[in-house]
Each structure stands twice: as C-alpha cells, then as structure tokens.
N, C-alpha and C. Protein backbone atom coordinates (compact mmCIF):
# COMPACT_ATOMS: atom_id res chain seq x y z
N MET A 1 -2.80 23.58 2.07
CA MET A 1 -2.52 21.97 1.74
C MET A 1 -4.21 22.09 1.06
N THR A 2 -4.18 21.20 -0.11
CA THR A 2 -5.81 21.27 -0.70
C THR A 2 -5.82 19.79 -0.94
N ARG A 3 -5.34 19.24 -1.33
CA ARG A 3 -5.59 17.70 -1.56
C ARG A 3 -4.05 17.01 -1.35
N THR A 4 -4.20 16.13 -0.41
CA THR A 4 -3.26 15.05 0.06
C THR A 4 -3.93 13.46 0.30
N GLU A 5 -2.73 13.03 -1.28
CA GLU A 5 -3.20 11.35 -1.42
C GLU A 5 -2.19 10.71 -0.54
N ILE A 6 -2.44 9.82 0.06
CA ILE A 6 -1.97 8.91 1.07
C ILE A 6 -2.33 7.42 0.58
N ARG A 7 -1.41 6.70 0.25
CA ARG A 7 -1.42 5.14 0.03
C ARG A 7 -0.66 4.24 1.27
N LEU A 8 -1.40 3.26 1.82
CA LEU A 8 -0.74 2.57 2.52
C LEU A 8 -0.51 1.02 2.29
N GLY A 9 0.16 0.39 1.95
CA GLY A 9 0.41 -0.90 1.37
C GLY A 9 1.26 -1.86 2.30
N GLY A 10 0.98 -2.91 2.31
CA GLY A 10 1.60 -4.55 3.07
C GLY A 10 0.72 -5.49 2.82
N LEU A 11 0.80 -6.74 3.86
CA LEU A 11 0.27 -7.89 3.77
C LEU A 11 -1.35 -7.78 4.56
N GLY A 12 -2.12 -8.54 4.42
CA GLY A 12 -3.42 -8.43 5.20
C GLY A 12 -2.84 -9.42 6.51
N GLY A 13 -3.45 -8.56 7.81
CA GLY A 13 -2.74 -8.78 8.87
C GLY A 13 -1.83 -7.83 9.58
N GLN A 14 -1.61 -6.92 9.04
CA GLN A 14 -0.01 -6.22 9.40
C GLN A 14 -0.65 -4.52 9.67
N GLY A 15 -2.61 -4.75 9.92
CA GLY A 15 -2.93 -3.36 10.10
C GLY A 15 -3.06 -2.40 9.30
N ILE A 16 -2.88 -2.53 8.07
CA ILE A 16 -2.69 -1.14 6.93
C ILE A 16 -4.05 -0.65 6.92
N ILE A 17 -5.24 -1.61 6.81
CA ILE A 17 -6.44 -0.75 6.81
C ILE A 17 -7.03 -0.10 7.95
N LYS A 18 -6.37 -0.79 9.16
CA LYS A 18 -7.26 -0.02 10.57
C LYS A 18 -5.87 1.23 10.57
N SER A 19 -4.90 1.25 10.48
CA SER A 19 -4.00 2.33 10.18
C SER A 19 -4.22 3.53 9.25
N ALA A 20 -5.36 3.31 8.07
CA ALA A 20 -5.82 4.25 7.37
C ALA A 20 -7.01 4.64 8.03
N VAL A 21 -7.69 4.00 8.63
CA VAL A 21 -8.95 4.33 9.49
C VAL A 21 -8.27 5.35 10.33
N ILE A 22 -7.34 5.28 10.77
CA ILE A 22 -6.66 5.75 12.18
C ILE A 22 -6.46 7.42 11.50
N ILE A 23 -5.87 7.11 10.16
CA ILE A 23 -5.28 8.48 9.62
C ILE A 23 -6.75 9.36 9.19
N GLY A 24 -7.60 8.81 8.99
CA GLY A 24 -8.62 9.48 8.35
C GLY A 24 -9.23 10.21 9.96
N GLU A 25 -9.53 9.58 10.67
CA GLU A 25 -10.14 10.16 11.74
C GLU A 25 -9.58 10.89 12.63
N ALA A 26 -8.35 10.85 12.64
CA ALA A 26 -7.28 12.13 13.07
C ALA A 26 -7.45 13.20 12.59
N ALA A 27 -7.10 12.82 11.10
CA ALA A 27 -7.48 14.35 9.94
C ALA A 27 -8.76 15.18 10.65
N SER A 28 -10.03 13.94 10.32
CA SER A 28 -11.28 14.58 10.14
C SER A 28 -12.06 15.02 11.35
N ILE A 29 -11.95 14.20 12.25
CA ILE A 29 -12.54 14.01 13.37
C ILE A 29 -11.79 14.76 14.40
N HIS A 30 -10.72 14.82 14.43
CA HIS A 30 -9.59 15.32 15.70
C HIS A 30 -8.84 16.68 15.15
N ASP A 31 -8.53 16.78 13.84
CA ASP A 31 -8.07 17.96 13.23
C ASP A 31 -8.85 18.66 12.23
N GLY A 32 -9.92 18.28 12.35
CA GLY A 32 -11.06 19.30 11.67
C GLY A 32 -10.93 19.54 9.64
N LYS A 33 -9.97 18.20 9.28
CA LYS A 33 -10.00 18.23 7.81
C LYS A 33 -11.00 17.83 7.12
N GLU A 34 -11.13 17.52 5.97
CA GLU A 34 -11.82 16.63 5.18
C GLU A 34 -11.22 15.29 4.75
N ALA A 35 -11.62 14.38 4.98
CA ALA A 35 -11.17 13.12 4.85
C ALA A 35 -12.01 11.92 4.16
N VAL A 36 -11.28 11.08 3.30
CA VAL A 36 -11.93 9.76 2.69
C VAL A 36 -10.99 8.71 2.69
N GLN A 37 -11.52 7.72 3.28
CA GLN A 37 -10.30 6.45 3.29
C GLN A 37 -11.41 5.31 2.26
N THR A 38 -10.30 4.74 1.78
CA THR A 38 -10.78 3.37 0.61
C THR A 38 -9.84 2.00 1.14
N ALA A 39 -10.32 0.96 0.86
CA ALA A 39 -9.32 -0.15 0.80
C ALA A 39 -9.75 -1.14 -0.16
N SER A 40 -8.87 -1.73 -0.64
CA SER A 40 -8.48 -3.13 -1.53
C SER A 40 -7.51 -4.28 -0.61
N TYR A 41 -8.20 -5.50 -0.96
CA TYR A 41 -7.71 -6.77 -0.25
C TYR A 41 -8.11 -8.01 -0.95
N GLY A 42 -6.81 -8.91 -0.84
CA GLY A 42 -7.70 -10.29 -1.10
C GLY A 42 -8.83 -10.99 -0.62
N PRO A 43 -8.83 -12.23 -0.55
CA PRO A 43 -10.27 -12.98 -0.13
C PRO A 43 -9.31 -13.32 1.36
N GLU A 44 -7.69 -13.68 1.23
CA GLU A 44 -7.69 -14.29 2.40
C GLU A 44 -7.38 -13.18 3.38
N SER A 45 -7.74 -13.20 4.88
CA SER A 45 -7.56 -12.83 5.76
C SER A 45 -6.27 -12.00 6.03
N ARG A 46 -5.09 -13.15 5.61
CA ARG A 46 -3.30 -12.49 6.50
C ARG A 46 -2.91 -12.98 4.90
N GLY A 47 -2.06 -12.42 5.23
CA GLY A 47 -0.86 -12.86 4.27
C GLY A 47 -0.87 -12.44 2.64
N SER A 48 -2.27 -11.92 2.29
CA SER A 48 -2.60 -11.76 0.77
C SER A 48 -2.06 -10.01 0.92
N ALA A 49 -2.02 -9.50 -0.59
CA ALA A 49 -1.79 -8.24 -0.53
C ALA A 49 -2.91 -7.18 -0.14
N CYS A 50 -2.36 -6.27 0.16
CA CYS A 50 -3.45 -5.17 0.96
C CYS A 50 -2.91 -3.69 0.92
N LYS A 51 -4.22 -2.76 0.19
CA LYS A 51 -3.85 -1.61 0.24
C LYS A 51 -4.71 -0.72 0.44
N ALA A 52 -4.38 0.45 1.32
CA ALA A 52 -5.67 1.24 2.13
C ALA A 52 -5.61 2.81 1.57
N GLU A 53 -6.00 3.55 1.33
CA GLU A 53 -5.56 5.02 0.52
C GLU A 53 -6.69 5.84 1.36
N VAL A 54 -5.93 6.84 1.82
CA VAL A 54 -6.65 8.38 2.77
C VAL A 54 -6.41 9.32 1.72
N ILE A 55 -7.44 10.36 1.45
CA ILE A 55 -7.21 11.36 1.19
C ILE A 55 -7.85 12.09 2.12
N ILE A 56 -7.02 13.54 2.26
CA ILE A 56 -6.91 14.71 3.21
C ILE A 56 -7.00 15.99 2.69
N SER A 57 -8.02 16.44 2.95
CA SER A 57 -7.92 18.01 2.09
C SER A 57 -9.02 19.10 3.00
N ASP A 58 -8.56 20.37 2.59
CA ASP A 58 -9.01 21.26 3.81
C ASP A 58 -10.65 21.83 3.14
N THR A 59 -10.70 21.31 1.61
CA THR A 59 -12.42 21.15 0.94
C THR A 59 -12.73 19.89 0.76
N PRO A 60 -14.07 20.09 1.03
CA PRO A 60 -14.75 18.66 0.98
C PRO A 60 -13.90 17.93 -0.62
N VAL A 61 -14.05 16.80 -0.45
CA VAL A 61 -13.07 15.86 -1.18
C VAL A 61 -14.19 15.54 -2.62
N ASP A 62 -14.32 15.79 -3.69
CA ASP A 62 -14.96 15.54 -4.50
C ASP A 62 -14.86 14.02 -5.17
N TYR A 63 -13.67 13.71 -4.94
CA TYR A 63 -13.13 12.17 -6.10
C TYR A 63 -12.37 11.33 -4.93
N PRO A 64 -12.66 10.31 -4.70
CA PRO A 64 -12.28 9.96 -3.31
C PRO A 64 -10.87 8.53 -3.64
N LEU A 65 -10.91 8.77 -4.93
CA LEU A 65 -9.69 7.66 -4.93
C LEU A 65 -8.61 8.37 -5.41
N VAL A 66 -7.25 7.78 -4.54
CA VAL A 66 -6.34 8.14 -5.18
C VAL A 66 -5.36 7.76 -6.43
N LEU A 67 -5.06 8.68 -7.12
CA LEU A 67 -4.66 8.98 -8.44
C LEU A 67 -3.18 8.75 -8.29
N THR A 68 -2.13 9.99 -7.99
CA THR A 68 -0.97 10.08 -8.05
C THR A 68 -0.58 10.18 -6.32
N PRO A 69 -0.34 9.23 -5.41
CA PRO A 69 0.00 9.33 -4.14
C PRO A 69 0.83 10.60 -3.83
N HIS A 70 0.74 11.49 -2.79
CA HIS A 70 1.94 12.06 -2.26
C HIS A 70 2.50 11.64 -1.23
N ILE A 71 2.08 10.61 -0.54
CA ILE A 71 2.93 9.88 0.58
C ILE A 71 2.46 8.26 0.18
N MET A 72 3.67 7.58 0.41
CA MET A 72 3.15 6.13 0.26
C MET A 72 3.79 5.57 2.04
N VAL A 73 3.29 4.51 2.35
CA VAL A 73 3.33 4.40 3.62
C VAL A 73 4.13 2.23 3.08
N ALA A 74 4.91 1.82 2.95
CA ALA A 74 5.05 0.74 3.01
C ALA A 74 5.85 -0.18 3.97
N LEU A 75 4.80 -1.51 4.08
CA LEU A 75 5.53 -2.38 5.04
C LEU A 75 5.65 -3.97 4.58
N SER A 76 5.48 -3.78 3.37
CA SER A 76 6.00 -4.76 2.94
C SER A 76 7.06 -4.42 1.08
N ASN A 77 8.12 -5.62 0.77
CA ASN A 77 8.72 -5.12 -0.31
C ASN A 77 7.55 -5.56 -1.73
N ASP A 78 6.51 -6.09 -1.39
CA ASP A 78 6.05 -6.51 -2.71
C ASP A 78 4.84 -4.99 -2.84
N ALA A 79 4.59 -4.66 -1.93
CA ALA A 79 3.69 -3.25 -2.03
C ALA A 79 4.54 -1.86 -2.60
N PHE A 80 5.63 -2.01 -1.61
CA PHE A 80 6.83 -0.94 -2.20
C PHE A 80 6.79 -0.76 -3.57
N HIS A 81 7.40 -2.31 -4.13
CA HIS A 81 7.52 -2.33 -5.79
C HIS A 81 6.46 -2.31 -6.60
N LYS A 82 4.91 -2.73 -5.89
CA LYS A 82 4.26 -2.57 -6.92
C LYS A 82 3.61 -1.23 -7.12
N TYR A 83 3.61 0.13 -5.71
CA TYR A 83 3.06 0.88 -6.09
C TYR A 83 4.38 2.27 -6.41
N LYS A 84 5.56 2.09 -6.09
CA LYS A 84 6.25 3.14 -6.14
C LYS A 84 6.43 3.89 -7.26
N ASN A 85 6.07 3.61 -8.35
CA ASN A 85 6.39 4.47 -9.73
C ASN A 85 5.02 5.01 -9.75
N ASP A 86 3.98 4.76 -8.94
CA ASP A 86 2.63 5.25 -9.08
C ASP A 86 3.01 7.24 -8.11
N LEU A 87 4.09 7.02 -7.56
CA LEU A 87 4.40 8.30 -6.67
C LEU A 87 4.88 9.18 -7.39
N GLY A 88 4.50 10.95 -7.35
CA GLY A 88 4.53 11.72 -8.37
C GLY A 88 5.61 12.80 -8.03
N GLU A 89 6.22 13.77 -8.72
CA GLU A 89 7.69 14.59 -8.41
C GLU A 89 7.06 15.12 -6.96
N GLY A 90 8.21 14.59 -5.95
CA GLY A 90 8.34 15.62 -4.77
C GLY A 90 7.68 14.91 -3.46
N ALA A 91 7.28 13.38 -4.35
CA ALA A 91 6.59 12.46 -3.16
C ALA A 91 7.36 12.13 -2.05
N ILE A 92 6.67 11.66 -0.91
CA ILE A 92 7.35 10.79 0.34
C ILE A 92 7.29 9.60 0.15
N ALA A 93 8.17 8.82 0.38
CA ALA A 93 7.72 7.40 0.40
C ALA A 93 8.63 6.82 1.89
N ILE A 94 7.39 6.37 2.73
CA ILE A 94 8.20 5.98 4.23
C ILE A 94 8.08 4.26 4.27
N ILE A 95 9.08 3.82 4.43
CA ILE A 95 9.37 2.07 4.70
C ILE A 95 10.05 1.90 5.58
N ASP A 96 9.52 0.55 6.03
CA ASP A 96 10.00 0.04 6.99
C ASP A 96 11.34 -0.59 6.28
N SER A 97 12.50 -0.26 6.76
CA SER A 97 13.39 -0.99 6.21
C SER A 97 14.04 -2.75 6.93
N ASP A 98 12.94 -3.20 7.90
CA ASP A 98 12.93 -4.48 8.52
C ASP A 98 12.39 -5.14 7.06
N LEU A 99 11.56 -4.63 6.37
CA LEU A 99 10.60 -5.52 5.35
C LEU A 99 11.03 -5.49 4.12
N VAL A 100 11.59 -4.16 3.62
CA VAL A 100 11.56 -3.43 2.46
C VAL A 100 12.62 -2.92 2.00
N LYS A 101 12.90 -3.90 0.86
CA LYS A 101 14.47 -3.12 0.27
C LYS A 101 14.05 -1.91 -0.72
N ALA A 102 14.33 -0.78 -0.55
CA ALA A 102 13.53 0.44 -1.45
C ALA A 102 14.17 0.15 -3.13
N GLY A 103 15.79 -0.09 -2.84
CA GLY A 103 16.45 -0.18 -4.50
C GLY A 103 16.19 1.49 -4.93
N LYS A 104 16.11 1.48 -6.43
CA LYS A 104 15.84 1.97 -7.31
C LYS A 104 14.55 2.81 -7.34
N ILE A 105 14.56 4.10 -7.44
CA ILE A 105 13.06 4.52 -6.94
C ILE A 105 13.25 6.05 -8.29
N LYS A 106 12.35 6.77 -8.78
CA LYS A 106 12.00 7.57 -9.46
C LYS A 106 13.00 9.05 -8.63
N PRO A 107 13.70 9.78 -9.65
CA PRO A 107 13.76 10.94 -9.06
C PRO A 107 13.00 12.03 -8.46
N GLY A 108 13.38 12.38 -7.35
CA GLY A 108 12.38 13.70 -6.76
C GLY A 108 11.48 13.00 -5.91
N VAL A 109 11.51 11.46 -5.64
CA VAL A 109 10.51 11.21 -4.61
C VAL A 109 11.61 10.74 -3.41
N GLN A 110 11.15 11.10 -2.21
CA GLN A 110 12.22 11.50 -0.86
C GLN A 110 11.66 10.20 -0.06
N VAL A 111 12.69 9.17 0.37
CA VAL A 111 12.63 7.79 0.99
C VAL A 111 12.83 8.28 2.23
N TYR A 112 12.40 7.85 3.28
CA TYR A 112 12.48 7.73 4.72
C TYR A 112 12.38 6.22 5.19
N GLN A 113 13.30 5.83 5.45
CA GLN A 113 13.16 4.35 6.09
C GLN A 113 13.48 4.41 7.84
N VAL A 114 12.72 3.54 8.22
CA VAL A 114 12.35 3.07 10.25
C VAL A 114 12.34 1.98 10.08
N THR A 115 12.77 1.73 11.07
CA THR A 115 13.10 0.32 11.59
C THR A 115 11.70 0.14 12.71
N ALA A 116 10.53 -0.15 11.96
CA ALA A 116 9.43 -0.09 12.73
C ALA A 116 8.96 -2.05 13.29
N ALA A 117 9.30 -2.86 12.46
CA ALA A 117 8.98 -3.71 12.84
C ALA A 117 9.92 -4.23 14.28
N THR A 118 11.44 -4.10 14.01
CA THR A 118 12.56 -4.06 14.91
C THR A 118 12.07 -3.41 16.45
N THR A 119 11.64 -2.28 16.12
CA THR A 119 11.32 -1.06 17.52
C THR A 119 10.36 -2.34 17.83
N ALA A 120 9.41 -2.64 17.15
CA ALA A 120 7.70 -2.97 17.94
C ALA A 120 8.15 -4.14 18.55
N HIS A 121 9.00 -5.29 18.11
CA HIS A 121 9.58 -6.30 18.61
C HIS A 121 10.56 -6.40 19.62
N ASN A 122 11.76 -5.67 19.87
CA ASN A 122 12.64 -5.52 20.52
C ASN A 122 12.35 -4.40 21.59
N VAL A 123 12.00 -3.39 21.33
CA VAL A 123 12.00 -2.26 21.95
C VAL A 123 10.15 -2.59 23.37
N LEU A 124 8.81 -2.69 22.03
CA LEU A 124 7.67 -3.18 22.82
C LEU A 124 7.38 -3.99 22.98
N LYS A 125 8.67 -5.15 22.96
CA LYS A 125 8.09 -6.71 23.24
C LYS A 125 6.52 -7.08 22.41
N ASN A 126 6.37 -6.46 21.18
CA ASN A 126 5.09 -6.79 20.64
C ASN A 126 4.67 -6.72 19.38
N PRO A 127 5.26 -7.60 18.52
CA PRO A 127 5.26 -7.56 16.69
C PRO A 127 3.77 -6.52 16.23
N LEU A 128 2.39 -7.21 16.90
CA LEU A 128 1.28 -6.50 16.33
C LEU A 128 1.42 -4.93 16.68
N VAL A 129 1.88 -4.50 17.05
CA VAL A 129 1.92 -2.73 17.18
C VAL A 129 3.05 -2.04 15.74
N THR A 130 3.29 -2.94 15.13
CA THR A 130 4.26 -2.29 14.28
C THR A 130 3.72 -1.18 13.22
N ASN A 131 2.71 -1.75 13.02
CA ASN A 131 1.65 -0.53 12.12
C ASN A 131 1.51 0.98 13.16
N VAL A 132 1.37 0.81 14.32
CA VAL A 132 1.43 1.57 15.20
C VAL A 132 2.72 2.68 15.31
N VAL A 133 3.61 2.29 15.47
CA VAL A 133 5.07 2.48 15.33
C VAL A 133 5.18 3.24 13.77
N MET A 134 4.72 2.94 12.97
CA MET A 134 4.78 3.45 11.58
C MET A 134 4.12 4.69 11.23
N LEU A 135 2.50 4.31 12.53
CA LEU A 135 1.76 5.85 12.27
C LEU A 135 2.50 6.94 13.12
N GLY A 136 3.12 6.54 14.07
CA GLY A 136 4.15 7.56 14.34
C GLY A 136 5.12 8.59 13.50
N ALA A 137 6.35 7.69 13.16
CA ALA A 137 6.68 7.84 11.95
C ALA A 137 6.11 8.37 10.56
N PHE A 138 5.03 8.22 10.65
CA PHE A 138 4.49 9.21 9.13
C PHE A 138 3.64 10.69 9.92
N THR A 139 3.52 10.64 11.31
CA THR A 139 3.32 11.94 11.96
C THR A 139 4.48 12.70 11.76
N ALA A 140 5.34 11.91 12.38
CA ALA A 140 6.62 12.96 12.56
C ALA A 140 6.97 13.45 11.19
N ILE A 141 7.31 12.60 10.17
CA ILE A 141 7.48 13.08 8.77
C ILE A 141 6.80 13.95 8.03
N THR A 142 5.52 13.82 8.30
CA THR A 142 4.52 14.04 7.31
C THR A 142 3.74 15.26 7.88
N LYS A 143 3.76 15.37 9.12
CA LYS A 143 3.26 16.93 9.77
C LYS A 143 1.48 17.05 9.46
N ILE A 144 1.13 15.92 8.49
CA ILE A 144 -0.23 16.11 7.72
C ILE A 144 -1.51 16.03 8.72
N VAL A 145 -0.63 15.56 10.07
CA VAL A 145 -2.22 15.40 11.12
C VAL A 145 -1.16 15.83 12.16
N THR A 146 -1.94 16.20 13.22
CA THR A 146 -1.17 16.36 14.43
C THR A 146 -0.87 15.65 15.36
N PRO A 147 0.14 15.64 16.09
CA PRO A 147 0.25 14.13 17.35
C PRO A 147 -0.78 14.10 18.23
N GLU A 148 -1.49 15.32 18.57
CA GLU A 148 -2.41 15.03 19.65
C GLU A 148 -3.94 13.95 18.85
N ALA A 149 -4.08 14.49 17.27
CA ALA A 149 -5.03 13.89 16.96
C ALA A 149 -4.94 12.36 16.55
N MET A 150 -3.75 12.02 16.31
CA MET A 150 -3.12 10.70 15.79
C MET A 150 -3.10 10.05 17.39
N GLN A 151 -2.74 10.80 18.73
CA GLN A 151 -3.20 10.31 19.71
C GLN A 151 -4.41 9.92 20.27
N LYS A 152 -5.29 10.75 19.86
CA LYS A 152 -6.78 10.51 20.44
C LYS A 152 -7.42 9.35 19.33
N ALA A 153 -6.72 9.59 17.95
CA ALA A 153 -7.66 8.22 17.10
C ALA A 153 -6.68 7.27 17.54
N ILE A 154 -5.53 6.69 18.14
CA ILE A 154 -4.93 5.70 18.30
C ILE A 154 -5.73 5.45 19.45
N ALA A 155 -6.02 5.89 20.67
CA ALA A 155 -6.73 5.73 21.85
C ALA A 155 -8.28 4.97 21.64
N ASN A 156 -8.51 5.85 20.53
CA ASN A 156 -10.41 5.48 20.01
C ASN A 156 -10.34 3.72 19.64
N ALA A 157 -9.21 3.78 18.58
CA ALA A 157 -9.28 2.88 17.87
C ALA A 157 -8.53 1.58 18.92
N PHE A 158 -7.89 1.45 19.57
CA PHE A 158 -7.18 0.07 20.82
C PHE A 158 -7.73 0.61 22.07
N PRO A 159 -9.11 0.94 22.54
CA PRO A 159 -9.34 1.24 23.99
C PRO A 159 -8.54 0.53 25.13
N ARG A 160 -8.96 -0.57 24.71
CA ARG A 160 -8.05 -2.12 25.53
C ARG A 160 -6.45 -2.13 25.63
N TYR A 161 -6.10 -1.82 24.73
CA TYR A 161 -4.62 -1.93 24.56
C TYR A 161 -4.13 -0.03 24.26
N ARG A 162 -4.75 0.65 24.78
CA ARG A 162 -4.28 1.97 24.49
C ARG A 162 -2.94 1.98 25.16
N GLU A 163 -2.28 2.31 26.08
CA GLU A 163 -1.13 2.31 26.78
C GLU A 163 -0.08 1.68 25.61
N LEU A 164 0.05 0.41 25.32
CA LEU A 164 0.88 -0.18 24.37
C LEU A 164 1.19 0.81 23.05
N ASN A 165 -0.34 0.72 22.81
CA ASN A 165 -0.29 1.68 21.33
C ASN A 165 0.25 3.22 21.46
N LEU A 166 -0.10 3.97 22.15
CA LEU A 166 0.50 5.27 22.51
C LEU A 166 1.99 4.64 22.77
N ARG A 167 2.67 3.90 23.64
CA ARG A 167 4.11 4.05 23.80
C ARG A 167 4.67 3.69 21.94
N ALA A 168 3.78 2.80 21.65
CA ALA A 168 4.32 2.57 19.93
C ALA A 168 4.25 3.77 18.89
N PHE A 169 3.04 4.52 19.05
CA PHE A 169 3.19 5.60 18.46
C PHE A 169 4.46 6.78 19.39
N ASP A 170 4.46 7.24 20.15
CA ASP A 170 5.87 7.79 21.05
C ASP A 170 7.12 7.14 20.08
N GLU A 171 7.04 5.63 20.14
CA GLU A 171 8.53 5.20 19.42
C GLU A 171 8.76 5.29 18.16
N GLY A 172 7.42 5.49 17.43
CA GLY A 172 7.31 6.01 15.97
C GLY A 172 7.86 7.18 15.74
N MET A 173 7.05 7.87 16.58
CA MET A 173 7.65 9.34 16.41
C MET A 173 8.86 10.05 16.97
N LYS A 174 9.82 8.93 17.59
CA LYS A 174 11.18 9.10 17.63
C LYS A 174 11.95 8.53 15.96
N LEU A 175 11.56 7.63 15.87
CA LEU A 175 12.42 6.99 14.14
C LEU A 175 11.91 7.86 13.36
N GLY A 176 10.46 8.59 13.43
CA GLY A 176 10.71 9.73 12.40
C GLY A 176 11.24 10.52 12.47
N GLN A 177 11.66 11.35 13.53
CA GLN A 177 12.59 12.49 13.69
C GLN A 177 13.79 12.10 13.11
N GLU A 178 14.01 10.91 13.44
CA GLU A 178 15.71 10.25 13.08
C GLU A 178 15.68 10.27 12.07
N ALA A 179 14.80 9.88 11.55
CA ALA A 179 14.56 10.13 9.78
C ALA A 179 14.85 11.31 8.96
N LEU A 180 14.03 12.36 9.53
CA LEU A 180 14.14 13.50 9.35
C LEU A 180 15.40 14.03 9.42
N GLU A 181 16.53 13.77 10.35
CA GLU A 181 17.38 14.48 10.84
C GLU A 181 18.72 13.55 9.67
N GLN A 182 18.34 12.59 9.35
CA GLN A 182 19.39 11.80 8.72
C GLN A 182 19.36 12.08 7.37
N SER A 183 17.65 12.27 7.11
CA SER A 183 17.51 13.24 5.83
C SER A 183 18.21 14.45 5.52
N SER A 184 18.17 15.15 6.82
CA SER A 184 18.69 16.41 5.87
C SER A 184 20.32 16.44 6.38
N LYS A 185 20.72 15.74 6.71
CA LYS A 185 22.26 15.34 6.57
C LYS A 185 23.03 15.22 5.13
N THR A 186 21.98 14.32 4.62
CA THR A 186 22.50 13.56 3.09
C THR A 186 21.86 14.77 2.28
N LYS A 187 21.23 15.79 2.54
CA LYS A 187 21.27 16.73 1.55
C LYS A 187 22.05 17.73 1.33
C-alpha cells in the first residue's frame, strides 16, 4: 500500500466525521501507518451535507486532500450521488442499502451494499450506532486497518458506550463478510 484515499459522506448527525477520526486513529496509532483526516460540513449541526476524508499510507502523506477516492462509504443518497463520479477505476463503494439507492455507477467500481441502519435499529436497538456498524463493514471489506486496531479506536472514541459500540462493530464485520461473499458469487 502506498496511498489509499477514503471518502465518507452522509448527513450531519450520522457520525461521519467521528468515523473518519476513528479510521485515522486505527490506522496511525494502532496499526502504525501514516494517516491524515479532513472534514467539511454545513453550518447546521444536523441534517446538512457532511463529508470526511482519510488518507492512509505507509510513507508520510505529502498532500492531505483526497483527489480520487479509492474507497467511499456513503450513508446518504445525496452524498453517494454527489461523490460517486470521483471514484477511480478499481475503487470500492460501501453503501448503506437502507439509505442509499446505488443506481448506475462507473464501470470498474465495486459496490458493496450493507444494511447498517436496519442492523443498528433492529439488532442493536440503537440507531445511533449505524456509523459504527458501517465501520465494521468497512474493516471487513477493505482490510485497510486490522479489526484489532479498529476495536481499540472505537473503544477510545466511546468509553462510556464501549460495549454497545464494539457489538455494533462486530455486527458490521458480519455484514461486510456477507457483502464480500455475495460479491464473489456474482463474479
């Protein structure tokens, strides 16, 4: 791995920025890689467009902005459709199929669909952990950070709700594995 560019998109209040910070911590502090994280969002705290980006590299990151994402995680339909054309050949898009309708996408982009919102609501009984379910799916699908590193970063991010969030991560890992298996069957 030289440089992997990751973009997360959704709405304010969905934990997009927190997820990017967790990915960056998992990669840099717990996996020993180089990472930078940036974010942009509207003036409203909830409901406005939100995007966060992480760059992970084996060498120091010389330019901190994402140009052509290798990985995109989308938790809103608007974010997915706004950023999908930025993805390059061979990129991965991980979408919450409860919240995003993929539609047409560039050839060469692999789309993985997971049901993070439904899992957070029905299995974990807490829709606030949807983003952590997506972090589990992200970890299983991309393998860009180790599960152990992500678990440590999640535990650090949510010390008061550690157990719930680690369960959400585990459920997301299962969803990510299922998405990988489904993808291999359709190839």
